[in-house]
Amino acid sequence: MSARVRGAATALDNPVAEQAIEWMVLFRSGEATPDDYHRFAIWSAADPRHAQAWERMQGMLQRSFAPIRDADARSPGQAAAVERIMLRPPQSADSPARRKALRRTLAFAAAGVATATLLHRSWSLADLSADLRTGTGQRKSVALPDGSTLVLNARSAVDIDFSGKQRRVRLRQGELIATVAADAARPFVVETAHGTARALGTRFLVRLEEARSMALVLEHSIRVDNGSSRQELRQGEAAYYHAGAIERIVDDRSGRAAWADGMLVANEEPLGDVVAALRPYRKGFLRVSPEAARLRVLGAFPLDDTDNVLRSLEQTMPLRIRNFGNVLVTIDVR
């Protein structure tokens, strides 16, 4: 499966396919002008490869959404709404996030993976070959050869690289808690795309996000390194880090580790962060509007019953939540 999807993604990585994707994103954004359609006609007629690429992309997208249209027979009117929202996130038409989402949908469609499959698990193309990974709603505790322990949150993926000089865990996706066995000769390091967190004690959390990583010290201390600077964090302290900076988190984030016990604890945190924590525990897509994402949440919720969490949020906050079967949930302000 992973080879097929990687091959499909490679097939999309060429200038003509990229141009076709740009046109598709623009037209599905609802922001295209008559002049845009005129320019598209000129582009399509300029080279036979352009028209062929456009037809190929359209066919791939139709195949990808076929399962949703089949479900529309049971719930009339929902398929169009689902497709519109999935391919039109709340960014502008030229948003890299929108292009990325569409490219991933097309890559899976080209590999023959139905959208219905994507609804059950969020895959990253690179993470299918990880040494350890978890699926939707799945947490896993793993004993490492040195006596350390990793606990993986849902939809997480890691590689393990232990040598005679170092113990390195690469977090490819998601979130983990490491409880580290003492070994003065071999440092224990958790690496992400944004830097490293080195254990100076026994227990800490690392979360990988799209533009940054977060480290939270649960016991003793760690050293965070973003490649250009280092900072030591002690028990109870947390920081975001990326290539540009290491940013201390002032708010108390100790509750962020509660997922290991199946709980989501929010201490006046933005609803956007709460939704991000729920996504790995739900099939389908969960979308929150920018206005709703800024609302603050206080409470503790069971991660293994996300439907109940959403009901609780709607009952206690000024929210309107729409559920499109198992395919999509949208959250907006009332």
C-alpha atoms as a PDB file:
ATOM      1  CA  MET A   1       0.000   0.000   0.000  1.00  0.00           C
ATOM      2  CA  SER A   2       2.668   2.517   0.962  1.00  0.00           C
ATOM      3  CA  ALA A   3       4.615   1.956  -2.280  1.00  0.00           C
ATOM      4  CA  ARG A   4       1.457   2.510  -4.355  1.00  0.00           C
ATOM      5  CA  VAL A   5       0.600   5.727  -2.577  1.00  0.00           C
ATOM      6  CA  ARG A   6       4.166   7.038  -2.702  1.00  0.00           C
ATOM      7  CA  GLY A   7       4.258   6.256  -6.427  1.00  0.00           C
ATOM      8  CA  ALA A   8       0.989   8.090  -6.953  1.00  0.00           C
ATOM      9  CA  ALA A   9       2.273  11.109  -5.048  1.00  0.00           C
ATOM     10  CA  THR A  10       5.414  11.129  -7.213  1.00  0.00           C
ATOM     11  CA  ALA A  11       3.255  11.072 -10.350  1.00  0.00           C
ATOM     12  CA  LEU A  12       1.617  14.300  -9.175  1.00  0.00           C
ATOM     13  CA  ASP A  13       4.993  15.953  -8.612  1.00  0.00           C
ATOM     14  CA  ASN A  14       5.546  17.557 -12.017  1.00  0.00           C
ATOM     15  CA  PRO A  15       4.925  21.079 -13.347  1.00  0.00           C
ATOM     16  CA  VAL A  16       1.867  20.238 -15.472  1.00  0.00           C
ATOM     17  CA  ALA A  17       0.152  18.304 -12.667  1.00  0.00           C
ATOM     18  CA  GLU A  18       0.965  21.130 -10.257  1.00  0.00           C
ATOM     19  CA  GLN A  19      -0.643  23.668 -12.601  1.00  0.00           C
ATOM     20  CA  ALA A  20      -3.766  21.501 -12.902  1.00  0.00           C
ATOM     21  CA  ILE A  21      -3.974  21.279  -9.111  1.00  0.00           C
ATOM     22  CA  GLU A  22      -3.672  25.083  -8.843  1.00  0.00           C
ATOM     23  CA  TRP A  23      -6.599  25.522 -11.241  1.00  0.00           C
ATOM     24  CA  MET A  24      -8.672  22.931  -9.366  1.00  0.00           C
ATOM     25  CA  VAL A  25      -8.057  24.633  -6.014  1.00  0.00           C
ATOM     26  CA  LEU A  26      -9.041  28.008  -7.480  1.00  0.00           C
ATOM     27  CA  PHE A  27     -12.268  26.762  -9.062  1.00  0.00           C
ATOM     28  CA  ARG A  28     -13.338  24.863  -5.949  1.00  0.00           C
ATOM     29  CA  SER A  29     -12.642  27.862  -3.734  1.00  0.00           C
ATOM     30  CA  GLY A  30     -15.640  29.752  -5.075  1.00  0.00           C
ATOM     31  CA  GLU A  31     -13.372  32.767  -5.690  1.00  0.00           C
ATOM     32  CA  ALA A  32     -12.720  32.342  -9.426  1.00  0.00           C
ATOM     33  CA  THR A  33     -13.583  35.278 -11.714  1.00  0.00           C
ATOM     34  CA  PRO A  34     -14.644  35.265 -15.395  1.00  0.00           C
ATOM     35  CA  ASP A  35     -11.091  36.325 -16.236  1.00  0.00           C
ATOM     36  CA  ASP A  36      -9.778  33.240 -14.388  1.00  0.00           C
ATOM     37  CA  TYR A  37     -11.939  30.964 -16.541  1.00  0.00           C
ATOM     38  CA  HIS A  38     -10.683  32.746 -19.663  1.00  0.00           C
ATOM     39  CA  ARG A  39      -7.072  32.230 -18.591  1.00  0.00           C
ATOM     40  CA  PHE A  40      -7.828  28.572 -17.864  1.00  0.00           C
ATOM     41  CA  ALA A  41      -9.202  28.094 -21.406  1.00  0.00           C
ATOM     42  CA  ILE A  42      -6.006  29.558 -22.844  1.00  0.00           C
ATOM     43  CA  TRP A  43      -3.865  27.321 -20.611  1.00  0.00           C
ATOM     44  CA  SER A  44      -5.858  24.206 -21.506  1.00  0.00           C
ATOM     45  CA  ALA A  45      -5.566  24.856 -25.252  1.00  0.00           C
ATOM     46  CA  ALA A  46      -1.886  25.767 -25.147  1.00  0.00           C
ATOM     47  CA  ASP A  47      -0.633  22.184 -24.838  1.00  0.00           C
ATOM     48  CA  PRO A  48      -2.386  18.786 -25.138  1.00  0.00           C
ATOM     49  CA  ARG A  49      -0.676  17.730 -21.914  1.00  0.00           C
ATOM     50  CA  HIS A  50      -2.537  20.478 -20.039  1.00  0.00           C
ATOM     51  CA  ALA A  51      -5.971  19.192 -21.026  1.00  0.00           C
ATOM     52  CA  GLN A  52      -4.902  15.609 -20.332  1.00  0.00           C
ATOM     53  CA  ALA A  53      -3.645  16.525 -16.852  1.00  0.00           C
ATOM     54  CA  TRP A  54      -6.896  18.356 -16.086  1.00  0.00           C
ATOM     55  CA  GLU A  55      -9.030  15.393 -17.169  1.00  0.00           C
ATOM     56  CA  ARG A  56      -6.852  13.001 -15.174  1.00  0.00           C
ATOM     57  CA  MET A  57      -7.182  15.108 -11.998  1.00  0.00           C
ATOM     58  CA  GLN A  58     -10.938  15.374 -12.430  1.00  0.00           C
ATOM     59  CA  GLY A  59     -11.252  11.608 -12.833  1.00  0.00           C
ATOM     60  CA  MET A  60      -9.108  10.918  -9.785  1.00  0.00           C
ATOM     61  CA  LEU A  61     -11.192  13.262  -7.657  1.00  0.00           C
ATOM     62  CA  GLN A  62     -14.436  11.696  -8.875  1.00  0.00           C
ATOM     63  CA  ARG A  63     -13.174   8.228  -7.888  1.00  0.00           C
ATOM     64  CA  SER A  64     -12.033   9.479  -4.509  1.00  0.00           C
ATOM     65  CA  PHE A  65     -15.461  10.891  -3.624  1.00  0.00           C
ATOM     66  CA  ALA A  66     -17.484   8.000  -5.036  1.00  0.00           C
ATOM     67  CA  PRO A  67     -18.109   6.413  -1.584  1.00  0.00           C
ATOM     68  CA  ILE A  68     -19.467   9.716  -0.287  1.00  0.00           C
ATOM     69  CA  ARG A  69     -21.845  10.018  -3.231  1.00  0.00           C
ATOM     70  CA  ASP A  70     -23.015   6.452  -2.637  1.00  0.00           C
ATOM     71  CA  ALA A  71     -23.853   7.424   0.941  1.00  0.00           C
ATOM     72  CA  ASP A  72     -25.828  10.392  -0.381  1.00  0.00           C
ATOM     73  CA  ALA A  73     -28.566   7.978  -1.437  1.00  0.00           C
ATOM     74  CA  ARG A  74     -29.152   7.295   2.254  1.00  0.00           C
ATOM     75  CA  SER A  75     -28.737  10.929   3.390  1.00  0.00           C
ATOM     76  CA  PRO A  76     -29.746  13.153   0.431  1.00  0.00           C
ATOM     77  CA  GLY A  77     -27.995  16.504   0.148  1.00  0.00           C
ATOM     78  CA  GLN A  78     -25.059  15.698   2.394  1.00  0.00           C
ATOM     79  CA  ALA A  79     -22.538  14.631  -0.242  1.00  0.00           C
ATOM     80  CA  ALA A  80     -22.264  18.063  -1.850  1.00  0.00           C
ATOM     81  CA  ALA A  81     -21.809  19.729   1.527  1.00  0.00           C
ATOM     82  CA  VAL A  82     -19.158  17.240   2.599  1.00  0.00           C
ATOM     83  CA  GLU A  83     -17.188  17.599  -0.616  1.00  0.00           C
ATOM     84  CA  ARG A  84     -17.406  21.399  -0.525  1.00  0.00           C
ATOM     85  CA  ILE A  85     -16.202  21.684   3.065  1.00  0.00           C
ATOM     86  CA  MET A  86     -13.447  19.065   2.731  1.00  0.00           C
ATOM     87  CA  LEU A  87     -11.955  20.819  -0.292  1.00  0.00           C
ATOM     88  CA  ARG A  88     -12.611  24.346   0.879  1.00  0.00           C
ATOM     89  CA  PRO A  89     -10.962  24.914   4.256  1.00  0.00           C
ATOM     90  CA  PRO A  90     -11.310  28.371   5.806  1.00  0.00           C
ATOM     91  CA  GLN A  91      -8.153  29.737   4.208  1.00  0.00           C
ATOM     92  CA  SER A  92      -7.851  31.756   1.022  1.00  0.00           C
ATOM     93  CA  ALA A  93      -7.816  30.096  -2.380  1.00  0.00           C
ATOM     94  CA  ASP A  94      -4.033  30.272  -2.608  1.00  0.00           C
ATOM     95  CA  SER A  95      -3.597  28.665   0.818  1.00  0.00           C
ATOM     96  CA  PRO A  96      -0.804  26.071   0.964  1.00  0.00           C
ATOM     97  CA  ALA A  97      -2.998  24.087   3.374  1.00  0.00           C
ATOM     98  CA  ARG A  98      -5.724  23.783   0.760  1.00  0.00           C
ATOM     99  CA  ARG A  99      -3.311  22.689  -1.954  1.00  0.00           C
ATOM    100  CA  LYS A 100      -1.753  20.172   0.439  1.00  0.00           C
ATOM    101  CA  ALA A 101      -5.156  18.691   1.327  1.00  0.00           C
ATOM    102  CA  LEU A 102      -6.140  18.352  -2.317  1.00  0.00           C
ATOM    103  CA  ARG A 103      -2.789  16.822  -3.305  1.00  0.00           C
ATOM    104  CA  ARG A 104      -3.161  14.182  -0.578  1.00  0.00           C
ATOM    105  CA  THR A 105      -6.705  13.341  -1.711  1.00  0.00           C
ATOM    106  CA  LEU A 106      -5.535  13.017  -5.324  1.00  0.00           C
ATOM    107  CA  ALA A 107      -2.532  10.877  -4.364  1.00  0.00           C
ATOM    108  CA  PHE A 108      -4.713   8.374  -2.523  1.00  0.00           C
ATOM    109  CA  ALA A 109      -7.254   8.367  -5.349  1.00  0.00           C
ATOM    110  CA  ALA A 110      -4.511   7.688  -7.923  1.00  0.00           C
ATOM    111  CA  ALA A 111      -3.329   4.751  -5.827  1.00  0.00           C
ATOM    112  CA  GLY A 112      -6.839   3.296  -5.762  1.00  0.00           C
ATOM    113  CA  VAL A 113      -7.504   4.099  -2.110  1.00  0.00           C
ATOM    114  CA  ALA A 114     -11.136   5.103  -1.612  1.00  0.00           C
ATOM    115  CA  THR A 115     -12.099   8.124   0.440  1.00  0.00           C
ATOM    116  CA  ALA A 116     -14.033   5.771   2.705  1.00  0.00           C
ATOM    117  CA  THR A 117     -10.691   4.273   3.726  1.00  0.00           C
ATOM    118  CA  LEU A 118      -9.287   7.706   4.545  1.00  0.00           C
ATOM    119  CA  LEU A 119     -12.214   8.354   6.842  1.00  0.00           C
ATOM    120  CA  HIS A 120     -11.101   5.542   9.121  1.00  0.00           C
ATOM    121  CA  ARG A 121      -7.510   6.595   9.511  1.00  0.00           C
ATOM    122  CA  SER A 122      -5.385   9.635   8.790  1.00  0.00           C
ATOM    123  CA  TRP A 123      -2.236   8.436   7.038  1.00  0.00           C
ATOM    124  CA  SER A 124       0.862  10.397   6.247  1.00  0.00           C
ATOM    125  CA  LEU A 125       2.594   8.975   3.177  1.00  0.00           C
ATOM    126  CA  ALA A 126       5.951   8.855   4.955  1.00  0.00           C
ATOM    127  CA  ASP A 127       4.619   7.355   8.176  1.00  0.00           C
ATOM    128  CA  LEU A 128       3.313   4.047   6.825  1.00  0.00           C
ATOM    129  CA  SER A 129       6.811   2.551   7.161  1.00  0.00           C
ATOM    130  CA  ALA A 130       7.438   3.767  10.730  1.00  0.00           C
ATOM    131  CA  ASP A 131       8.795   1.296  13.296  1.00  0.00           C
ATOM    132  CA  LEU A 132       5.814   1.900  15.612  1.00  0.00           C
ATOM    133  CA  ARG A 133       2.477   3.543  14.886  1.00  0.00           C
ATOM    134  CA  THR A 134      -1.045   3.790  16.225  1.00  0.00           C
ATOM    135  CA  GLY A 135      -4.375   4.171  14.462  1.00  0.00           C
ATOM    136  CA  THR A 136      -7.472   6.236  15.106  1.00  0.00           C
ATOM    137  CA  GLY A 137      -8.488   6.088  18.758  1.00  0.00           C
ATOM    138  CA  GLN A 138      -5.598   3.768  19.624  1.00  0.00           C
ATOM    139  CA  ARG A 139      -3.041   4.354  22.387  1.00  0.00           C
ATOM    140  CA  LYS A 140      -0.057   2.063  22.804  1.00  0.00           C
ATOM    141  CA  SER A 141       2.560   1.508  25.504  1.00  0.00           C
ATOM    142  CA  VAL A 142       5.846   0.037  24.264  1.00  0.00           C
ATOM    143  CA  ALA A 143       8.767  -1.280  26.335  1.00  0.00           C
ATOM    144  CA  LEU A 144      12.095  -0.392  24.704  1.00  0.00           C
ATOM    145  CA  PRO A 145      15.221  -2.612  24.804  1.00  0.00           C
ATOM    146  CA  ASP A 146      16.989  -0.351  27.337  1.00  0.00           C
ATOM    147  CA  GLY A 147      14.155  -0.524  29.874  1.00  0.00           C
ATOM    148  CA  SER A 148      12.614   2.808  28.848  1.00  0.00           C
ATOM    149  CA  THR A 149       8.936   3.072  27.918  1.00  0.00           C
ATOM    150  CA  LEU A 150       7.103   4.963  25.206  1.00  0.00           C
ATOM    151  CA  VAL A 151       3.378   5.685  25.284  1.00  0.00           C
ATOM    152  CA  LEU A 152       2.040   6.705  21.862  1.00  0.00           C
ATOM    153  CA  ASN A 153      -1.087   8.785  21.465  1.00  0.00           C
ATOM    154  CA  ALA A 154      -3.609   7.993  18.720  1.00  0.00           C
ATOM    155  CA  ARG A 155      -2.375   8.452  15.124  1.00  0.00           C
ATOM    156  CA  SER A 156       1.264   8.615  16.122  1.00  0.00           C
ATOM    157  CA  ALA A 157       4.318   7.169  14.406  1.00  0.00           C
ATOM    158  CA  VAL A 158       7.928   6.791  15.575  1.00  0.00           C
ATOM    159  CA  ASP A 159      11.232   5.264  14.524  1.00  0.00           C
ATOM    160  CA  ILE A 160      13.627   3.737  17.068  1.00  0.00           C
ATOM    161  CA  ASP A 161      17.391   4.073  16.561  1.00  0.00           C
ATOM    162  CA  PHE A 162      19.486   2.728  19.457  1.00  0.00           C
ATOM    163  CA  SER A 163      23.241   2.403  19.138  1.00  0.00           C
ATOM    164  CA  GLY A 164      26.196   2.001  21.469  1.00  0.00           C
ATOM    165  CA  LYS A 165      26.480   5.783  21.822  1.00  0.00           C
ATOM    166  CA  GLN A 166      22.946   7.116  21.715  1.00  0.00           C
ATOM    167  CA  ARG A 167      19.269   6.276  22.092  1.00  0.00           C
ATOM    168  CA  ARG A 168      17.246   8.201  19.512  1.00  0.00           C
ATOM    169  CA  VAL A 169      13.488   8.183  18.929  1.00  0.00           C
ATOM    170  CA  ARG A 170      12.207  10.035  15.871  1.00  0.00           C
ATOM    171  CA  LEU A 171       8.617  11.233  16.191  1.00  0.00           C
ATOM    172  CA  ARG A 172       7.193  11.330  12.678  1.00  0.00           C
ATOM    173  CA  GLN A 173       3.607  12.097  13.614  1.00  0.00           C
ATOM    174  CA  GLY A 174       1.486  12.661  16.690  1.00  0.00           C
ATOM    175  CA  GLU A 175       2.534  12.627  20.315  1.00  0.00           C
ATOM    176  CA  LEU A 176       4.424  10.488  22.820  1.00  0.00           C
ATOM    177  CA  ILE A 177       5.380  10.281  26.468  1.00  0.00           C
ATOM    178  CA  ALA A 178       8.839   8.878  27.211  1.00  0.00           C
ATOM    179  CA  THR A 179       9.774   7.375  30.579  1.00  0.00           C
ATOM    180  CA  VAL A 180      13.532   7.049  30.355  1.00  0.00           C
ATOM    181  CA  ALA A 181      15.770   4.454  31.984  1.00  0.00           C
ATOM    182  CA  ALA A 182      19.063   5.837  33.285  1.00  0.00           C
ATOM    183  CA  ASP A 183      22.107   5.252  31.049  1.00  0.00           C
ATOM    184  CA  ALA A 184      24.863   7.840  31.445  1.00  0.00           C
ATOM    185  CA  ALA A 185      26.776   6.507  28.431  1.00  0.00           C
ATOM    186  CA  ARG A 186      23.863   6.817  25.988  1.00  0.00           C
ATOM    187  CA  PRO A 187      21.761  10.011  25.912  1.00  0.00           C
ATOM    188  CA  PHE A 188      18.051   9.567  25.220  1.00  0.00           C
ATOM    189  CA  VAL A 189      16.821  11.986  22.537  1.00  0.00           C
ATOM    190  CA  VAL A 190      13.397  12.497  20.942  1.00  0.00           C
ATOM    191  CA  GLU A 191      13.781  14.084  17.512  1.00  0.00           C
ATOM    192  CA  THR A 192      11.127  15.854  15.439  1.00  0.00           C
ATOM    193  CA  ALA A 193      11.245  17.929  12.274  1.00  0.00           C
ATOM    194  CA  HIS A 194      11.760  21.013  14.468  1.00  0.00           C
ATOM    195  CA  GLY A 195      14.548  19.944  16.800  1.00  0.00           C
ATOM    196  CA  THR A 196      15.354  17.595  19.666  1.00  0.00           C
ATOM    197  CA  ALA A 197      14.404  17.071  23.294  1.00  0.00           C
ATOM    198  CA  ARG A 198      17.117  15.338  25.349  1.00  0.00           C
ATOM    199  CA  ALA A 199      16.254  13.656  28.620  1.00  0.00           C
ATOM    200  CA  LEU A 200      18.051  14.943  31.699  1.00  0.00           C
ATOM    201  CA  GLY A 201      15.627  13.089  33.966  1.00  0.00           C
ATOM    202  CA  THR A 202      12.965  10.476  33.560  1.00  0.00           C
ATOM    203  CA  ARG A 203       9.641  11.483  32.014  1.00  0.00           C
ATOM    204  CA  PHE A 204       8.542  13.991  29.355  1.00  0.00           C
ATOM    205  CA  LEU A 205       6.043  14.560  26.547  1.00  0.00           C
ATOM    206  CA  VAL A 206       6.720  15.595  22.946  1.00  0.00           C
ATOM    207  CA  ARG A 207       4.021  16.602  20.455  1.00  0.00           C
ATOM    208  CA  LEU A 208       4.632  17.190  16.733  1.00  0.00           C
ATOM    209  CA  GLU A 209       2.527  19.868  15.053  1.00  0.00           C
ATOM    210  CA  GLU A 210       2.676  21.140  11.483  1.00  0.00           C
ATOM    211  CA  ALA A 211       4.779  24.245  12.094  1.00  0.00           C
ATOM    212  CA  ARG A 212       6.304  23.490  15.502  1.00  0.00           C
ATOM    213  CA  SER A 213       6.822  20.912  18.223  1.00  0.00           C
ATOM    214  CA  MET A 214       5.950  21.066  21.905  1.00  0.00           C
ATOM    215  CA  ALA A 215       7.832  19.564  24.848  1.00  0.00           C
ATOM    216  CA  LEU A 216       6.424  19.232  28.365  1.00  0.00           C
ATOM    217  CA  VAL A 217       8.471  18.007  31.339  1.00  0.00           C
ATOM    218  CA  LEU A 218       6.549  15.646  33.609  1.00  0.00           C
ATOM    219  CA  GLU A 219       9.474  14.681  35.861  1.00  0.00           C
ATOM    220  CA  HIS A 220      12.956  16.164  36.356  1.00  0.00           C
ATOM    221  CA  SER A 221      14.241  18.056  33.283  1.00  0.00           C
ATOM    222  CA  ILE A 222      15.060  18.010  29.559  1.00  0.00           C
ATOM    223  CA  ARG A 223      17.131  20.094  27.143  1.00  0.00           C
ATOM    224  CA  VAL A 224      15.388  21.403  24.006  1.00  0.00           C
ATOM    225  CA  ASP A 225      17.542  22.180  20.943  1.00  0.00           C
ATOM    226  CA  ASN A 226      16.158  23.749  17.754  1.00  0.00           C
ATOM    227  CA  GLY A 227      19.477  23.675  15.903  1.00  0.00           C
ATOM    228  CA  SER A 228      20.507  27.222  16.742  1.00  0.00           C
ATOM    229  CA  SER A 229      19.818  27.498  20.475  1.00  0.00           C
ATOM    230  CA  ARG A 230      19.173  25.376  23.557  1.00  0.00           C
ATOM    231  CA  GLN A 231      17.035  25.733  26.651  1.00  0.00           C
ATOM    232  CA  GLU A 232      16.642  23.565  29.714  1.00  0.00           C
ATOM    233  CA  LEU A 233      13.122  22.893  30.954  1.00  0.00           C
ATOM    234  CA  ARG A 234      12.311  21.658  34.432  1.00  0.00           C
ATOM    235  CA  GLN A 235       9.365  19.714  35.818  1.00  0.00           C
ATOM    236  CA  GLY A 236       6.061  21.359  34.915  1.00  0.00           C
ATOM    237  CA  GLU A 237       7.607  23.610  32.256  1.00  0.00           C
ATOM    238  CA  ALA A 238       6.778  23.460  28.555  1.00  0.00           C
ATOM    239  CA  ALA A 239       7.910  25.126  25.332  1.00  0.00           C
ATOM    240  CA  TYR A 240       7.156  25.276  21.627  1.00  0.00           C
ATOM    241  CA  TYR A 241      10.172  25.016  19.359  1.00  0.00           C
ATOM    242  CA  HIS A 242      10.964  25.322  15.659  1.00  0.00           C
ATOM    243  CA  ALA A 243      13.887  26.511  13.554  1.00  0.00           C
ATOM    244  CA  GLY A 244      13.263  30.157  14.408  1.00  0.00           C
ATOM    245  CA  ALA A 245      12.866  30.066  18.174  1.00  0.00           C
ATOM    246  CA  ILE A 246      12.233  28.231  21.430  1.00  0.00           C
ATOM    247  CA  GLU A 247       9.152  29.782  23.048  1.00  0.00           C
ATOM    248  CA  ARG A 248       8.375  29.135  26.704  1.00  0.00           C
ATOM    249  CA  ILE A 249       4.700  28.400  27.439  1.00  0.00           C
ATOM    250  CA  VAL A 250       3.460  30.485  30.343  1.00  0.00           C
ATOM    251  CA  ASP A 251       0.155  28.658  30.843  1.00  0.00           C
ATOM    252  CA  ASP A 252       0.005  25.456  32.873  1.00  0.00           C
ATOM    253  CA  ARG A 253       0.124  22.567  30.377  1.00  0.00           C
ATOM    254  CA  SER A 254       0.475  19.700  32.846  1.00  0.00           C
ATOM    255  CA  GLY A 255      -2.984  18.452  31.879  1.00  0.00           C
ATOM    256  CA  ARG A 256      -1.798  17.788  28.317  1.00  0.00           C
ATOM    257  CA  ALA A 257      -0.470  14.395  29.386  1.00  0.00           C
ATOM    258  CA  ALA A 258      -3.918  13.207  30.539  1.00  0.00           C
ATOM    259  CA  TRP A 259      -4.496  11.487  27.168  1.00  0.00           C
ATOM    260  CA  ALA A 260      -2.316   8.639  28.455  1.00  0.00           C
ATOM    261  CA  ASP A 261      -5.190   7.921  30.854  1.00  0.00           C
ATOM    262  CA  GLY A 262      -7.852   8.431  28.189  1.00  0.00           C
ATOM    263  CA  MET A 263      -8.771  11.978  29.203  1.00  0.00           C
ATOM    264  CA  LEU A 264      -8.654  15.381  27.531  1.00  0.00           C
ATOM    265  CA  VAL A 265      -8.041  18.158  30.064  1.00  0.00           C
ATOM    266  CA  ALA A 266      -8.512  21.757  28.887  1.00  0.00           C
ATOM    267  CA  ASN A 267      -7.476  24.605  31.192  1.00  0.00           C
ATOM    268  CA  GLU A 268      -8.863  27.691  29.443  1.00  0.00           C
ATOM    269  CA  GLU A 269      -7.364  26.469  26.166  1.00  0.00           C
ATOM    270  CA  PRO A 270      -8.549  27.561  22.698  1.00  0.00           C
ATOM    271  CA  LEU A 271     -11.247  25.365  21.201  1.00  0.00           C
ATOM    272  CA  GLY A 272      -8.965  24.951  18.185  1.00  0.00           C
ATOM    273  CA  ASP A 273      -6.454  23.114  20.383  1.00  0.00           C
ATOM    274  CA  VAL A 274      -9.220  20.964  21.880  1.00  0.00           C
ATOM    275  CA  VAL A 275     -10.430  20.009  18.396  1.00  0.00           C
ATOM    276  CA  ALA A 276      -6.856  19.139  17.391  1.00  0.00           C
ATOM    277  CA  ALA A 277      -6.673  16.777  20.369  1.00  0.00           C
ATOM    278  CA  LEU A 278      -9.979  15.132  19.369  1.00  0.00           C
ATOM    279  CA  ARG A 279      -9.109  14.523  15.711  1.00  0.00           C
ATOM    280  CA  PRO A 280      -6.901  11.448  16.284  1.00  0.00           C
ATOM    281  CA  TYR A 281      -9.829   9.838  18.116  1.00  0.00           C
ATOM    282  CA  ARG A 282     -12.465  10.293  15.406  1.00  0.00           C
ATOM    283  CA  LYS A 283     -13.124   8.743  12.028  1.00  0.00           C
ATOM    284  CA  GLY A 284     -13.804  11.266   9.312  1.00  0.00           C
ATOM    285  CA  PHE A 285     -13.044  14.956   9.272  1.00  0.00           C
ATOM    286  CA  LEU A 286     -13.521  17.487  12.062  1.00  0.00           C
ATOM    287  CA  ARG A 287     -13.566  21.143  10.999  1.00  0.00           C
ATOM    288  CA  VAL A 288     -13.783  24.219  13.248  1.00  0.00           C
ATOM    289  CA  SER A 289     -14.314  27.785  12.035  1.00  0.00           C
ATOM    290  CA  PRO A 290     -11.687  30.429  12.934  1.00  0.00           C
ATOM    291  CA  GLU A 291     -14.238  32.245  15.126  1.00  0.00           C
ATOM    292  CA  ALA A 292     -15.119  29.116  17.085  1.00  0.00           C
ATOM    293  CA  ALA A 293     -11.475  28.066  17.347  1.00  0.00           C
ATOM    294  CA  ARG A 294     -10.708  31.146  19.443  1.00  0.00           C
ATOM    295  CA  LEU A 295     -13.249  30.325  22.171  1.00  0.00           C
ATOM    296  CA  ARG A 296     -11.755  29.112  25.468  1.00  0.00           C
ATOM    297  CA  VAL A 297     -12.556  25.705  26.957  1.00  0.00           C
ATOM    298  CA  LEU A 298     -12.384  24.592  30.581  1.00  0.00           C
ATOM    299  CA  GLY A 299     -13.111  20.977  31.499  1.00  0.00           C
ATOM    300  CA  ALA A 300     -12.129  17.317  31.418  1.00  0.00           C
ATOM    301  CA  PHE A 301     -13.531  14.974  28.770  1.00  0.00           C
ATOM    302  CA  PRO A 302     -13.233  11.234  27.959  1.00  0.00           C
ATOM    303  CA  LEU A 303     -11.314  10.784  24.707  1.00  0.00           C
ATOM    304  CA  ASP A 304     -12.881   7.412  23.972  1.00  0.00           C
ATOM    305  CA  ASP A 305     -16.345   8.982  23.553  1.00  0.00           C
ATOM    306  CA  THR A 306     -15.800  11.981  21.299  1.00  0.00           C
ATOM    307  CA  ASP A 307     -19.491  12.193  20.339  1.00  0.00           C
ATOM    308  CA  ASN A 308     -20.256  12.892  23.984  1.00  0.00           C
ATOM    309  CA  VAL A 309     -17.461  15.478  24.117  1.00  0.00           C
ATOM    310  CA  LEU A 310     -18.947  17.334  21.150  1.00  0.00           C
ATOM    311  CA  ARG A 311     -22.428  17.239  22.706  1.00  0.00           C
ATOM    312  CA  SER A 312     -21.038  18.635  25.953  1.00  0.00           C
ATOM    313  CA  LEU A 313     -19.263  21.461  24.144  1.00  0.00           C
ATOM    314  CA  GLU A 314     -22.398  22.375  22.196  1.00  0.00           C
ATOM    315  CA  GLN A 315     -24.525  22.390  25.369  1.00  0.00           C
ATOM    316  CA  THR A 316     -22.135  24.563  27.380  1.00  0.00           C
ATOM    317  CA  MET A 317     -20.750  26.923  24.732  1.00  0.00           C
ATOM    318  CA  PRO A 318     -22.230  29.169  22.008  1.00  0.00           C
ATOM    319  CA  LEU A 319     -21.554  26.578  19.314  1.00  0.00           C
ATOM    320  CA  ARG A 320     -23.450  25.064  16.410  1.00  0.00           C
ATOM    321  CA  ILE A 321     -22.226  21.570  15.549  1.00  0.00           C
ATOM    322  CA  ARG A 322     -23.384  19.815  12.367  1.00  0.00           C
ATOM    323  CA  ASN A 323     -22.777  16.104  11.889  1.00  0.00           C
ATOM    324  CA  PHE A 324     -22.685  14.658   8.372  1.00  0.00           C
ATOM    325  CA  GLY A 325     -22.787  10.975   9.332  1.00  0.00           C
ATOM    326  CA  ASN A 326     -19.355   9.443   9.843  1.00  0.00           C
ATOM    327  CA  VAL A 327     -17.815  11.649   7.189  1.00  0.00           C
ATOM    328  CA  LEU A 328     -17.627  15.175   8.543  1.00  0.00           C
ATOM    329  CA  VAL A 329     -18.403  17.291  11.629  1.00  0.00           C
ATOM    330  CA  THR A 330     -18.353  21.096  11.425  1.00  0.00           C
ATOM    331  CA  ILE A 331     -18.151  23.430  14.434  1.00  0.00           C
ATOM    332  CA  ASP A 332     -19.114  27.095  14.243  1.00  0.00           C
ATOM    333  CA  VAL A 333     -20.343  29.844  16.556  1.00  0.00           C
ATOM    334  CA  ARG A 334     -24.098  30.339  17.000  1.00  0.00           C
END
